[in-house]
Amino acid sequence: MNELIHKESAIFESTTNQKYSELHNSLSKIEEKTLSVELNGYRVVQPVGSRAKSLALSFYVSASPNIVLETITKAVHQIYPHKKINFHSYLLSLYVLLRDLIGKEEDFIFLDVGAEISELSIIRNGILTQSATFPLGMHNLIRALMESDNLSYSLASSKMKMYSDGI
């Protein structure tokens, strides 16, 4: 199983580096986590030592450009020079939180609307299957409201807040 994960992780690195070749192959893996293992169609927690005719594996891999990681590391080390820095992706943390909070719901879509970007995540059978980020967030909506209603930023922001609060 570890060989399979290693092989798939290498494929991820290769295709990601090809896709983002303008970064000159300077991506680093941040996380690699097994999300679920199914043996013979049944989800199992401890697959080691088990025998099966079929294996289904779901795992998560995240990466970041080295320049981003180096910039963050340099900034943090200016304040905390001797601290080891561990990077984690927001998406994996969010997935684990939602999985644990929602519990019984196995299929759902989560939309996180940020200030300038939003992220849509699809969870199917309790597993994070897809995620997409797009450049549209709350500030875009506020700017559109400012333009359409000829409002100041603070008025448009207040109107948006009232709408989101159901007022």
Foldseek 3Di string as FASTA:
>chain_A
DVVVQVVVVVVVLVVVCVVVVVLVSQKDKQDKFWDWKDAPRHTDDDCPPPDGPDIDTDMDIDIDGVVVVVVVVVVVCVVVVPDDDHDDDPVVVVLVVCCVVVPPDQWDWDWAADQFKIKIWTGHRSRTDDMDMDGHHDVNQLVVCCVVVVHDSVVSVVVVVCVVVVD
